[in-house]
C-alpha atoms as a PDB file:
ATOM      1  CA  MET A   1     -16.009 -12.081  20.522  1.00  0.00           C
ATOM      2  CA  ALA A   2     -14.326  -8.923  19.202  1.00  0.00           C
ATOM      3  CA  HIS A   3     -13.644  -8.733  15.487  1.00  0.00           C
ATOM      4  CA  ARG A   4     -11.252  -6.247  13.908  1.00  0.00           C
ATOM      5  CA  ARG A   5     -12.684  -3.981  11.205  1.00  0.00           C
ATOM      6  CA  SER A   6     -11.119  -1.661   8.621  1.00  0.00           C
ATOM      7  CA  VAL A   7     -12.817   1.668   9.285  1.00  0.00           C
ATOM      8  CA  VAL A   8     -12.788   4.643   6.901  1.00  0.00           C
ATOM      9  CA  VAL A   9     -11.420   7.612   8.847  1.00  0.00           C
ATOM     10  CA  GLY A  10     -10.570   9.969   5.988  1.00  0.00           C
ATOM     11  CA  CYS A  11     -11.399  10.615   2.343  1.00  0.00           C
ATOM     12  CA  GLY A  12      -9.806  12.948  -0.212  1.00  0.00           C
ATOM     13  CA  ALA A  13      -9.561  13.692  -3.911  1.00  0.00           C
ATOM     14  CA  TYR A  14      -7.670  15.677  -6.506  1.00  0.00           C
ATOM     15  CA  LEU A  15      -8.670  16.702 -10.028  1.00  0.00           C
ATOM     16  CA  PRO A  16      -6.387  18.505 -12.503  1.00  0.00           C
ATOM     17  CA  ASP A  17      -7.322  22.125 -13.213  1.00  0.00           C
ATOM     18  CA  THR A  18      -7.730  21.614 -16.966  1.00  0.00           C
ATOM     19  CA  VAL A  19     -11.366  20.881 -17.799  1.00  0.00           C
ATOM     20  CA  VAL A  20     -12.258  19.656 -21.288  1.00  0.00           C
ATOM     21  CA  THR A  21     -15.938  19.770 -22.239  1.00  0.00           C
ATOM     22  CA  ASN A  22     -17.633  17.769 -24.954  1.00  0.00           C
ATOM     23  CA  THR A  23     -17.870  20.948 -27.014  1.00  0.00           C
ATOM     24  CA  ASN A  24     -14.111  21.463 -26.594  1.00  0.00           C
ATOM     25  CA  LEU A  25     -13.502  18.006 -28.077  1.00  0.00           C
ATOM     26  CA  ALA A  26     -15.686  18.784 -31.089  1.00  0.00           C
ATOM     27  CA  GLU A  27     -13.854  22.080 -31.576  1.00  0.00           C
ATOM     28  CA  ARG A  28     -10.547  20.167 -31.647  1.00  0.00           C
ATOM     29  CA  GLY A  29     -11.709  18.282 -34.731  1.00  0.00           C
ATOM     30  CA  ILE A  30     -12.971  15.060 -33.105  1.00  0.00           C
ATOM     31  CA  GLU A  31     -16.055  13.865 -34.977  1.00  0.00           C
ATOM     32  CA  THR A  32     -18.474  14.116 -32.082  1.00  0.00           C
ATOM     33  CA  SER A  33     -20.900  16.461 -30.335  1.00  0.00           C
ATOM     34  CA  ASP A  34     -22.108  17.233 -26.836  1.00  0.00           C
ATOM     35  CA  GLU A  35     -25.484  15.698 -27.645  1.00  0.00           C
ATOM     36  CA  TRP A  36     -23.924  12.465 -28.982  1.00  0.00           C
ATOM     37  CA  ILE A  37     -21.714  11.953 -25.922  1.00  0.00           C
ATOM     38  CA  VAL A  38     -24.321  12.879 -23.301  1.00  0.00           C
ATOM     39  CA  GLN A  39     -26.998  10.687 -24.865  1.00  0.00           C
ATOM     40  CA  ARG A  40     -24.762   7.604 -24.916  1.00  0.00           C
ATOM     41  CA  THR A  41     -22.722   8.059 -21.732  1.00  0.00           C
ATOM     42  CA  GLY A  42     -23.992  10.906 -19.557  1.00  0.00           C
ATOM     43  CA  ILE A  43     -20.526  12.532 -19.695  1.00  0.00           C
ATOM     44  CA  ARG A  44     -20.382  16.324 -20.108  1.00  0.00           C
ATOM     45  CA  GLN A  45     -16.751  17.066 -19.222  1.00  0.00           C
ATOM     46  CA  ARG A  46     -13.525  15.521 -17.945  1.00  0.00           C
ATOM     47  CA  HIS A  47     -10.293  16.736 -16.294  1.00  0.00           C
ATOM     48  CA  ILE A  48      -6.960  16.308 -18.111  1.00  0.00           C
ATOM     49  CA  ALA A  49      -3.594  16.309 -16.339  1.00  0.00           C
ATOM     50  CA  ARG A  50      -0.791  18.622 -17.359  1.00  0.00           C
ATOM     51  CA  PRO A  51       2.448  16.995 -18.609  1.00  0.00           C
ATOM     52  CA  ASP A  52       4.068  17.538 -15.199  1.00  0.00           C
ATOM     53  CA  GLU A  53       1.125  15.968 -13.344  1.00  0.00           C
ATOM     54  CA  THR A  54       2.036  12.292 -13.234  1.00  0.00           C
ATOM     55  CA  THR A  55      -0.129   9.651 -11.605  1.00  0.00           C
ATOM     56  CA  SER A  56       1.919   9.811  -8.400  1.00  0.00           C
ATOM     57  CA  VAL A  57       1.493  13.604  -8.254  1.00  0.00           C
ATOM     58  CA  LEU A  58      -2.298  13.250  -8.487  1.00  0.00           C
ATOM     59  CA  GLY A  59      -2.281  10.398  -5.979  1.00  0.00           C
ATOM     60  CA  THR A  60      -0.130  12.300  -3.491  1.00  0.00           C
ATOM     61  CA  ARG A  61      -2.473  15.294  -3.526  1.00  0.00           C
ATOM     62  CA  ALA A  62      -5.515  13.078  -2.978  1.00  0.00           C
ATOM     63  CA  ALA A  63      -3.678  11.261  -0.181  1.00  0.00           C
ATOM     64  CA  LEU A  64      -2.860  14.522   1.585  1.00  0.00           C
ATOM     65  CA  ALA A  65      -6.525  15.528   1.454  1.00  0.00           C
ATOM     66  CA  ALA A  66      -7.560  12.173   2.944  1.00  0.00           C
ATOM     67  CA  LEU A  67      -4.970  12.446   5.716  1.00  0.00           C
ATOM     68  CA  ASP A  68      -6.142  15.959   6.484  1.00  0.00           C
ATOM     69  CA  GLU A  69      -9.752  14.821   6.907  1.00  0.00           C
ATOM     70  CA  ALA A  70      -8.574  11.927   9.083  1.00  0.00           C
ATOM     71  CA  GLY A  71      -6.526  14.274  11.270  1.00  0.00           C
ATOM     72  CA  LEU A  72      -3.471  12.082  10.720  1.00  0.00           C
ATOM     73  CA  SER A  73       0.087  12.651   9.556  1.00  0.00           C
ATOM     74  CA  PRO A  74       1.924  10.567   6.939  1.00  0.00           C
ATOM     75  CA  ALA A  75       3.941   8.984   9.758  1.00  0.00           C
ATOM     76  CA  ASP A  76       0.725   7.355  11.007  1.00  0.00           C
ATOM     77  CA  ILE A  77       0.465   5.249   7.816  1.00  0.00           C
ATOM     78  CA  ASP A  78       2.169   1.864   7.538  1.00  0.00           C
ATOM     79  CA  LEU A  79       0.605   0.616   4.282  1.00  0.00           C
ATOM     80  CA  VAL A  80       0.128   2.399   0.941  1.00  0.00           C
ATOM     81  CA  ILE A  81      -1.722   0.702  -1.917  1.00  0.00           C
ATOM     82  CA  CYS A  82      -2.137   2.523  -5.213  1.00  0.00           C
ATOM     83  CA  ALA A  83      -4.657   1.150  -7.687  1.00  0.00           C
ATOM     84  CA  THR A  84      -3.609   2.312 -11.153  1.00  0.00           C
ATOM     85  CA  SER A  85      -3.221   1.233 -14.769  1.00  0.00           C
ATOM     86  CA  THR A  86      -1.154   4.295 -15.639  1.00  0.00           C
ATOM     87  CA  PRO A  87       1.938   4.130 -13.384  1.00  0.00           C
ATOM     88  CA  ASP A  88       4.646   6.766 -13.541  1.00  0.00           C
ATOM     89  CA  HIS A  89       7.190   4.069 -14.442  1.00  0.00           C
ATOM     90  CA  THR A  90       7.256   0.372 -15.226  1.00  0.00           C
ATOM     91  CA  PHE A  91       8.999   0.245 -11.864  1.00  0.00           C
ATOM     92  CA  PRO A  92       9.332   1.334  -9.110  1.00  0.00           C
ATOM     93  CA  SER A  93       5.675   1.272  -8.165  1.00  0.00           C
ATOM     94  CA  THR A  94       3.647   4.470  -8.087  1.00  0.00           C
ATOM     95  CA  ALA A  95       2.717   3.623  -4.492  1.00  0.00           C
ATOM     96  CA  THR A  96       6.357   3.889  -3.427  1.00  0.00           C
ATOM     97  CA  GLN A  97       6.583   7.274  -5.144  1.00  0.00           C
ATOM     98  CA  ILE A  98       3.514   8.451  -3.219  1.00  0.00           C
ATOM     99  CA  GLN A  99       5.064   7.015  -0.052  1.00  0.00           C
ATOM    100  CA  ALA A 100       8.276   8.958  -0.675  1.00  0.00           C
ATOM    101  CA  ALA A 101       6.470  12.179  -1.597  1.00  0.00           C
ATOM    102  CA  LEU A 102       4.557  11.998   1.677  1.00  0.00           C
ATOM    103  CA  GLY A 103       7.765  11.412   3.639  1.00  0.00           C
ATOM    104  CA  ILE A 104       6.712   7.984   4.915  1.00  0.00           C
ATOM    105  CA  GLU A 105       9.844   6.039   5.869  1.00  0.00           C
ATOM    106  CA  GLY A 106       8.296   2.928   7.442  1.00  0.00           C
ATOM    107  CA  GLY A 107       5.797   0.291   6.457  1.00  0.00           C
ATOM    108  CA  PHE A 108       5.351  -0.939   2.899  1.00  0.00           C
ATOM    109  CA  ALA A 109       3.769   0.145  -0.385  1.00  0.00           C
ATOM    110  CA  PHE A 110       2.778  -1.480  -3.655  1.00  0.00           C
ATOM    111  CA  ASP A 111       0.633  -0.982  -6.764  1.00  0.00           C
ATOM    112  CA  LEU A 112      -2.418  -3.035  -7.617  1.00  0.00           C
ATOM    113  CA  GLN A 113      -3.541  -3.393 -11.237  1.00  0.00           C
ATOM    114  CA  ALA A 114      -7.147  -4.399 -11.889  1.00  0.00           C
ATOM    115  CA  VAL A 115      -7.994  -1.504 -14.233  1.00  0.00           C
ATOM    116  CA  CYS A 116     -11.340   0.119 -13.371  1.00  0.00           C
ATOM    117  CA  ALA A 117     -11.968  -2.422 -10.600  1.00  0.00           C
ATOM    118  CA  GLY A 118      -8.610  -1.565  -9.034  1.00  0.00           C
ATOM    119  CA  PHE A 119      -9.930   0.512  -6.153  1.00  0.00           C
ATOM    120  CA  VAL A 120     -12.357  -2.224  -5.051  1.00  0.00           C
ATOM    121  CA  TYR A 121      -9.530  -4.757  -5.239  1.00  0.00           C
ATOM    122  CA  ALA A 122      -7.275  -2.397  -3.245  1.00  0.00           C
ATOM    123  CA  VAL A 123      -9.893  -1.877  -0.515  1.00  0.00           C
ATOM    124  CA  ALA A 124     -10.382  -5.649  -0.197  1.00  0.00           C
ATOM    125  CA  THR A 125      -6.601  -6.192  -0.074  1.00  0.00           C
ATOM    126  CA  ALA A 126      -5.997  -3.487   2.530  1.00  0.00           C
ATOM    127  CA  ASP A 127      -8.848  -4.925   4.597  1.00  0.00           C
ATOM    128  CA  ARG A 128      -7.077  -8.287   4.731  1.00  0.00           C
ATOM    129  CA  PHE A 129      -3.865  -6.709   6.026  1.00  0.00           C
ATOM    130  CA  LEU A 130      -5.648  -4.590   8.620  1.00  0.00           C
ATOM    131  CA  THR A 131      -7.970  -7.257   9.974  1.00  0.00           C
ATOM    132  CA  THR A 132      -5.177  -9.816  10.322  1.00  0.00           C
ATOM    133  CA  GLY A 133      -2.770  -7.463  12.075  1.00  0.00           C
ATOM    134  CA  GLY A 134      -0.437  -6.909   9.124  1.00  0.00           C
ATOM    135  CA  ALA A 135      -0.895  -3.146   9.316  1.00  0.00           C
ATOM    136  CA  LYS A 136      -2.613  -0.549  11.504  1.00  0.00           C
ATOM    137  CA  ARG A 137      -3.510   2.176   9.029  1.00  0.00           C
ATOM    138  CA  ALA A 138      -3.669   1.979   5.248  1.00  0.00           C
ATOM    139  CA  LEU A 139      -3.750   4.686   2.624  1.00  0.00           C
ATOM    140  CA  VAL A 140      -5.737   3.313  -0.338  1.00  0.00           C
ATOM    141  CA  VAL A 141      -5.324   5.423  -3.469  1.00  0.00           C
ATOM    142  CA  GLY A 142      -6.934   5.217  -6.887  1.00  0.00           C
ATOM    143  CA  ALA A 143      -5.026   7.414  -9.351  1.00  0.00           C
ATOM    144  CA  GLU A 144      -4.984   7.595 -13.141  1.00  0.00           C
ATOM    145  CA  THR A 145      -3.715   9.635 -16.071  1.00  0.00           C
ATOM    146  CA  PHE A 146      -5.770   7.731 -18.610  1.00  0.00           C
ATOM    147  CA  SER A 147      -5.583  10.574 -21.127  1.00  0.00           C
ATOM    148  CA  ARG A 148      -2.084   9.292 -21.975  1.00  0.00           C
ATOM    149  CA  LEU A 149      -3.438   5.939 -23.155  1.00  0.00           C
ATOM    150  CA  LEU A 150      -6.040   7.366 -25.518  1.00  0.00           C
ATOM    151  CA  ASP A 151      -6.151   7.342 -29.298  1.00  0.00           C
ATOM    152  CA  TRP A 152      -7.489  10.863 -29.882  1.00  0.00           C
ATOM    153  CA  GLU A 153      -8.663   9.874 -33.371  1.00  0.00           C
ATOM    154  CA  ASP A 154     -10.979   7.185 -31.985  1.00  0.00           C
ATOM    155  CA  ARG A 155     -14.142   9.013 -30.952  1.00  0.00           C
ATOM    156  CA  THR A 156     -15.650   5.857 -29.417  1.00  0.00           C
ATOM    157  CA  THR A 157     -13.020   5.833 -26.654  1.00  0.00           C
ATOM    158  CA  CYS A 158     -11.288   9.226 -26.366  1.00  0.00           C
ATOM    159  CA  VAL A 159     -14.489  10.989 -25.257  1.00  0.00           C
ATOM    160  CA  LEU A 160     -15.001   8.598 -22.337  1.00  0.00           C
ATOM    161  CA  PHE A 161     -11.976   9.018 -20.082  1.00  0.00           C
ATOM    162  CA  GLY A 162     -10.426  11.587 -17.776  1.00  0.00           C
ATOM    163  CA  ASP A 163      -7.684  11.965 -15.171  1.00  0.00           C
ATOM    164  CA  GLY A 164      -7.854  12.265 -11.391  1.00  0.00           C
ATOM    165  CA  ALA A 165      -7.174  10.635  -8.044  1.00  0.00           C
ATOM    166  CA  GLY A 166      -9.031   9.773  -4.875  1.00  0.00           C
ATOM    167  CA  ALA A 167      -7.966   8.203  -1.593  1.00  0.00           C
ATOM    168  CA  ILE A 168      -9.279   6.870   1.684  1.00  0.00           C
ATOM    169  CA  VAL A 169      -7.556   6.143   4.980  1.00  0.00           C
ATOM    170  CA  LEU A 170      -8.514   2.832   6.598  1.00  0.00           C
ATOM    171  CA  GLU A 171      -7.772   2.195  10.271  1.00  0.00           C
ATOM    172  CA  ALA A 172      -7.942  -1.125  12.116  1.00  0.00           C
ATOM    173  CA  ARG A 173     -10.452  -0.937  14.971  1.00  0.00           C
ATOM    174  CA  GLU A 174     -12.154  -3.482  17.161  1.00  0.00           C
ATOM    175  CA  GLY A 175     -15.767  -4.272  16.301  1.00  0.00           C
ATOM    176  CA  GLU A 176     -18.436  -5.934  18.392  1.00  0.00           C
ATOM    177  CA  GLY A 177     -18.415  -9.441  17.007  1.00  0.00           C
ATOM    178  CA  LYS A 178     -18.175 -11.319  13.727  1.00  0.00           C
ATOM    179  CA  ASP A 179     -20.232 -12.590  10.805  1.00  0.00           C
ATOM    180  CA  ILE A 180     -23.790 -11.278  10.494  1.00  0.00           C
ATOM    181  CA  GLY A 181     -23.738 -10.188  14.128  1.00  0.00           C
ATOM    182  CA  THR A 182     -21.453  -7.276  13.186  1.00  0.00           C
ATOM    183  CA  ARG A 183     -23.651  -5.744  10.498  1.00  0.00           C
ATOM    184  CA  ALA A 184     -23.888  -2.599  12.666  1.00  0.00           C
ATOM    185  CA  ASP A 185     -20.081  -2.265  12.961  1.00  0.00           C
ATOM    186  CA  ARG A 186     -18.360   0.559  11.084  1.00  0.00           C
ATOM    187  CA  GLY A 187     -15.849  -0.443   8.428  1.00  0.00           C
ATOM    188  CA  VAL A 188     -15.548  -2.912   5.574  1.00  0.00           C
ATOM    189  CA  LEU A 189     -18.242  -5.539   6.227  1.00  0.00           C
ATOM    190  CA  SER A 190     -17.692  -7.726   3.169  1.00  0.00           C
ATOM    191  CA  SER A 191     -16.104  -7.849  -0.274  1.00  0.00           C
ATOM    192  CA  CYS A 192     -16.251 -10.096  -3.313  1.00  0.00           C
ATOM    193  CA  LEU A 193     -13.818 -10.153  -6.263  1.00  0.00           C
ATOM    194  CA  ARG A 194     -13.931 -11.882  -9.648  1.00  0.00           C
ATOM    195  CA  SER A 195     -11.967 -12.022 -12.904  1.00  0.00           C
ATOM    196  CA  ASP A 196     -12.192 -13.752 -16.270  1.00  0.00           C
ATOM    197  CA  GLY A 197      -9.187 -13.312 -18.549  1.00  0.00           C
ATOM    198  CA  ARG A 198     -10.952 -14.796 -21.570  1.00  0.00           C
ATOM    199  CA  HIS A 199     -12.450 -11.371 -22.288  1.00  0.00           C
ATOM    200  CA  ARG A 200      -9.166  -9.545 -22.861  1.00  0.00           C
ATOM    201  CA  ALA A 201      -9.983  -8.477 -26.438  1.00  0.00           C
ATOM    202  CA  LYS A 202     -13.095  -6.583 -25.351  1.00  0.00           C
ATOM    203  CA  LEU A 203     -11.136  -3.961 -23.361  1.00  0.00           C
ATOM    204  CA  TYR A 204      -7.349  -3.699 -23.406  1.00  0.00           C
ATOM    205  CA  VAL A 205      -4.289  -1.598 -24.246  1.00  0.00           C
ATOM    206  CA  ASP A 206      -2.449  -2.740 -27.388  1.00  0.00           C
ATOM    207  CA  GLY A 207       1.046  -2.358 -25.961  1.00  0.00           C
ATOM    208  CA  GLY A 208       3.323  -3.063 -23.029  1.00  0.00           C
ATOM    209  CA  PRO A 209       7.000  -3.514 -22.091  1.00  0.00           C
ATOM    210  CA  GLY A 210       6.775  -7.299 -22.427  1.00  0.00           C
ATOM    211  CA  SER A 211       5.046  -7.322 -25.821  1.00  0.00           C
ATOM    212  CA  THR A 212       5.494  -4.291 -28.063  1.00  0.00           C
ATOM    213  CA  GLY A 213       7.900  -2.296 -25.926  1.00  0.00           C
ATOM    214  CA  THR A 214       5.534   0.673 -26.240  1.00  0.00           C
ATOM    215  CA  THR A 215       2.835   2.154 -24.011  1.00  0.00           C
ATOM    216  CA  GLY A 216       0.085   1.357 -26.498  1.00  0.00           C
ATOM    217  CA  LYS A 217      -3.422   2.759 -26.847  1.00  0.00           C
ATOM    218  CA  LEU A 218      -6.725   1.787 -25.295  1.00  0.00           C
ATOM    219  CA  ARG A 219      -9.024  -0.406 -27.401  1.00  0.00           C
ATOM    220  CA  MET A 220     -12.591  -1.314 -26.546  1.00  0.00           C
ATOM    221  CA  GLU A 221     -15.616  -3.150 -27.895  1.00  0.00           C
ATOM    222  CA  GLY A 222     -18.166  -0.852 -26.314  1.00  0.00           C
ATOM    223  CA  ARG A 223     -21.308  -2.920 -26.811  1.00  0.00           C
ATOM    224  CA  GLU A 224     -19.692  -6.062 -25.450  1.00  0.00           C
ATOM    225  CA  VAL A 225     -18.390  -4.227 -22.379  1.00  0.00           C
ATOM    226  CA  PHE A 226     -21.836  -2.749 -21.745  1.00  0.00           C
ATOM    227  CA  ARG A 227     -23.503  -6.153 -22.022  1.00  0.00           C
ATOM    228  CA  PHE A 228     -21.017  -7.855 -19.708  1.00  0.00           C
ATOM    229  CA  ALA A 229     -21.056  -5.038 -17.159  1.00  0.00           C
ATOM    230  CA  VAL A 230     -24.819  -5.065 -16.709  1.00  0.00           C
ATOM    231  CA  GLY A 231     -25.020  -8.846 -16.756  1.00  0.00           C
ATOM    232  CA  SER A 232     -22.140  -9.745 -14.469  1.00  0.00           C
ATOM    233  CA  VAL A 233     -21.908  -7.244 -11.613  1.00  0.00           C
ATOM    234  CA  THR A 234     -24.968  -8.743  -9.950  1.00  0.00           C
ATOM    235  CA  ASP A 235     -23.133 -11.779  -8.577  1.00  0.00           C
ATOM    236  CA  VAL A 236     -20.488  -9.871  -6.610  1.00  0.00           C
ATOM    237  CA  ILE A 237     -22.977  -7.382  -5.197  1.00  0.00           C
ATOM    238  CA  GLU A 238     -25.388 -10.081  -4.102  1.00  0.00           C
ATOM    239  CA  GLU A 239     -22.514 -12.054  -2.545  1.00  0.00           C
ATOM    240  CA  ALA A 240     -21.384  -8.964  -0.614  1.00  0.00           C
ATOM    241  CA  PHE A 241     -24.936  -8.531   0.681  1.00  0.00           C
ATOM    242  CA  ARG A 242     -25.186 -12.187   1.699  1.00  0.00           C
ATOM    243  CA  ALA A 243     -21.838 -12.151   3.496  1.00  0.00           C
ATOM    244  CA  SER A 244     -22.909  -9.195   5.632  1.00  0.00           C
ATOM    245  CA  GLY A 245     -26.539 -10.175   6.187  1.00  0.00           C
ATOM    246  CA  THR A 246     -27.803  -7.044   4.444  1.00  0.00           C
ATOM    247  CA  THR A 247     -29.958  -6.259   1.409  1.00  0.00           C
ATOM    248  CA  ALA A 248     -30.385  -3.460  -1.109  1.00  0.00           C
ATOM    249  CA  ASP A 249     -33.055  -1.980   1.168  1.00  0.00           C
ATOM    250  CA  ASP A 250     -30.403  -1.428   3.864  1.00  0.00           C
ATOM    251  CA  LEU A 251     -28.196   0.659   1.570  1.00  0.00           C
ATOM    252  CA  ALA A 252     -27.847   4.382   2.107  1.00  0.00           C
ATOM    253  CA  TRP A 253     -25.690   4.867  -1.006  1.00  0.00           C
ATOM    254  CA  PHE A 254     -24.588   2.902  -4.069  1.00  0.00           C
ATOM    255  CA  VAL A 255     -21.262   4.244  -5.377  1.00  0.00           C
ATOM    256  CA  PRO A 256     -20.388   2.358  -8.577  1.00  0.00           C
ATOM    257  CA  HIS A 257     -17.529   2.817 -10.999  1.00  0.00           C
ATOM    258  CA  GLN A 258     -18.324   5.913 -13.038  1.00  0.00           C
ATOM    259  CA  ALA A 259     -18.011   4.597 -16.592  1.00  0.00           C
ATOM    260  CA  ASN A 260     -21.357   5.224 -18.232  1.00  0.00           C
ATOM    261  CA  ARG A 261     -24.623   6.534 -16.822  1.00  0.00           C
ATOM    262  CA  ARG A 262     -26.652   3.974 -18.761  1.00  0.00           C
ATOM    263  CA  ILE A 263     -24.617   1.078 -17.298  1.00  0.00           C
ATOM    264  CA  ILE A 264     -24.931   2.501 -13.784  1.00  0.00           C
ATOM    265  CA  GLU A 265     -28.694   2.970 -13.959  1.00  0.00           C
ATOM    266  CA  ALA A 266     -29.317  -0.394 -15.639  1.00  0.00           C
ATOM    267  CA  SER A 267     -27.258  -2.150 -12.959  1.00  0.00           C
ATOM    268  CA  ALA A 268     -29.050  -0.353 -10.122  1.00  0.00           C
ATOM    269  CA  ASP A 269     -32.447  -1.204 -11.606  1.00  0.00           C
ATOM    270  CA  LYS A 270     -31.508  -4.857 -12.000  1.00  0.00           C
ATOM    271  CA  LEU A 271     -30.432  -5.035  -8.348  1.00  0.00           C
ATOM    272  CA  GLY A 272     -33.473  -3.239  -7.011  1.00  0.00           C
ATOM    273  CA  ILE A 273     -31.427  -0.258  -5.801  1.00  0.00           C
ATOM    274  CA  ALA A 274     -33.446   2.963  -5.870  1.00  0.00           C
ATOM    275  CA  ARG A 275     -31.934   5.511  -8.259  1.00  0.00           C
ATOM    276  CA  GLU A 276     -32.017   8.216  -5.584  1.00  0.00           C
ATOM    277  CA  LYS A 277     -29.432   6.141  -3.687  1.00  0.00           C
ATOM    278  CA  VAL A 278     -26.988   6.145  -6.610  1.00  0.00           C
ATOM    279  CA  VAL A 279     -24.024   8.552  -6.494  1.00  0.00           C
ATOM    280  CA  LEU A 280     -23.235   9.878  -9.981  1.00  0.00           C
ATOM    281  CA  THR A 281     -20.175  11.932 -10.927  1.00  0.00           C
ATOM    282  CA  VAL A 282     -19.600  10.589 -14.445  1.00  0.00           C
ATOM    283  CA  ASP A 283     -21.056  13.769 -15.925  1.00  0.00           C
ATOM    284  CA  ARG A 284     -18.287  15.877 -14.327  1.00  0.00           C
ATOM    285  CA  HIS A 285     -15.325  13.470 -14.295  1.00  0.00           C
ATOM    286  CA  GLY A 286     -15.818  11.025 -17.159  1.00  0.00           C
ATOM    287  CA  ASN A 287     -14.369   7.556 -16.642  1.00  0.00           C
ATOM    288  CA  THR A 288     -11.291   7.914 -14.420  1.00  0.00           C
ATOM    289  CA  SER A 289     -10.808   4.145 -14.095  1.00  0.00           C
ATOM    290  CA  ALA A 290      -9.471   3.191 -10.629  1.00  0.00           C
ATOM    291  CA  ALA A 291      -9.904   6.789  -9.437  1.00  0.00           C
ATOM    292  CA  SER A 292     -13.624   6.996 -10.178  1.00  0.00           C
ATOM    293  CA  ILE A 293     -15.003   5.402  -6.993  1.00  0.00           C
ATOM    294  CA  PRO A 294     -12.873   7.354  -4.484  1.00  0.00           C
ATOM    295  CA  LEU A 295     -13.588  10.564  -6.426  1.00  0.00           C
ATOM    296  CA  ALA A 296     -17.317   9.834  -6.153  1.00  0.00           C
ATOM    297  CA  LEU A 297     -17.001   8.902  -2.468  1.00  0.00           C
ATOM    298  CA  ASP A 298     -15.239  12.178  -1.752  1.00  0.00           C
ATOM    299  CA  ALA A 299     -17.849  14.206  -3.650  1.00  0.00           C
ATOM    300  CA  ALA A 300     -20.719  12.551  -1.743  1.00  0.00           C
ATOM    301  CA  ARG A 301     -18.880  12.870   1.552  1.00  0.00           C
ATOM    302  CA  ARG A 302     -18.133  16.562   1.147  1.00  0.00           C
ATOM    303  CA  ASP A 303     -21.639  17.563   0.021  1.00  0.00           C
ATOM    304  CA  GLY A 304     -23.095  15.844   3.086  1.00  0.00           C
ATOM    305  CA  ARG A 305     -24.742  12.845   1.489  1.00  0.00           C
ATOM    306  CA  ILE A 306     -22.508  10.141   2.992  1.00  0.00           C
ATOM    307  CA  ARG A 307     -22.542  10.352   6.786  1.00  0.00           C
ATOM    308  CA  GLU A 308     -21.105   8.264   9.587  1.00  0.00           C
ATOM    309  CA  GLY A 309     -23.125   5.075   9.979  1.00  0.00           C
ATOM    310  CA  ASP A 310     -24.341   4.997   6.366  1.00  0.00           C
ATOM    311  CA  LEU A 311     -24.150   1.658   4.570  1.00  0.00           C
ATOM    312  CA  VAL A 312     -22.288   2.190   1.276  1.00  0.00           C
ATOM    313  CA  MET A 313     -21.787  -0.273  -1.588  1.00  0.00           C
ATOM    314  CA  ILE A 314     -18.872   0.247  -3.996  1.00  0.00           C
ATOM    315  CA  GLU A 315     -18.719  -1.759  -7.222  1.00  0.00           C
ATOM    316  CA  ALA A 316     -16.689  -1.778 -10.435  1.00  0.00           C
ATOM    317  CA  ILE A 317     -15.825  -3.732 -13.557  1.00  0.00           C
ATOM    318  CA  GLY A 318     -12.623  -3.279 -15.541  1.00  0.00           C
ATOM    319  CA  GLY A 319     -10.608  -4.716 -18.401  1.00  0.00           C
ATOM    320  CA  GLY A 320      -9.561  -8.291 -18.134  1.00  0.00           C
ATOM    321  CA  PHE A 321     -12.363  -8.639 -17.179  1.00  0.00           C
ATOM    322  CA  THR A 322     -12.014  -7.885 -13.464  1.00  0.00           C
ATOM    323  CA  TRP A 323     -14.926  -6.951 -11.249  1.00  0.00           C
ATOM    324  CA  GLY A 324     -15.821  -6.706  -7.585  1.00  0.00           C
ATOM    325  CA  ALA A 325     -17.887  -5.127  -4.837  1.00  0.00           C
ATOM    326  CA  ALA A 326     -17.372  -4.135  -1.222  1.00  0.00           C
ATOM    327  CA  LEU A 327     -19.851  -3.145   1.455  1.00  0.00           C
ATOM    328  CA  ILE A 328     -18.715  -0.458   3.906  1.00  0.00           C
ATOM    329  CA  ARG A 329     -20.389   0.955   7.002  1.00  0.00           C
ATOM    330  CA  TRP A 330     -19.103   4.554   6.932  1.00  0.00           C
END
């Protein structure tokens, strides 16, 4: 029996031109050093958006790159999902602004907010629409201007984040079957999402239109986030493996949220994923929240690592806490 799959047909990314190194931050008077940041996070630099580069501008440029690789035009898209925690406006959604900038006049668009796990949530959501016939082609964007949420006097957080956007195009295609019998199909094979709102105080922004009426600044209990991230991502990854009848040995690439090199390596070790299968871009991009996974996917796709037929696991944890994983046959 045929089973519809959401197949990745294009991938793209955009990073602002302004690059800020760890040394640059120290020169600006932040009490830090390249050695301190690299040792604790693996981050060496990050990209920072110009004032005129809003989240929708970054997302639109990444979307155009993804469409170009897919060989499609904006008119071919009938669903746009933008995962972001830094929207251009309270409303309308950033996704509708990307839709308009691309000249898409049909279909529908909306934002999805799950912080750093937003792209995984958006892939899982788009997959539901595509596999049930609600859409034919989806543009899934992760875009952030996190630099605008930072307290530049807090060295424990301001050194961690950067700006950027990545996107993939998903297309509904018929597979060969369903359940474990389709493990060889291309497309999204399985996904698993979780959240636990009791952990809000560990990673949050201390403002919002419904509370303070201000944008607010990012606040984080770093040690607690590290502990939870390493301890909790296992369940969603193992569930994604079980649902698709695959194991860590079947993986070609593990593409996690790029928050901290130590978290990434500890998680891979705990899951039995060989480190040579882990895609790392945190050193170049910093933590770009919902943009980090598609940025890493694009980097690994363009340098030839990710190839058609490869089994790829994406995984992330974000404030809330929210976390999730998805298994994709490229």
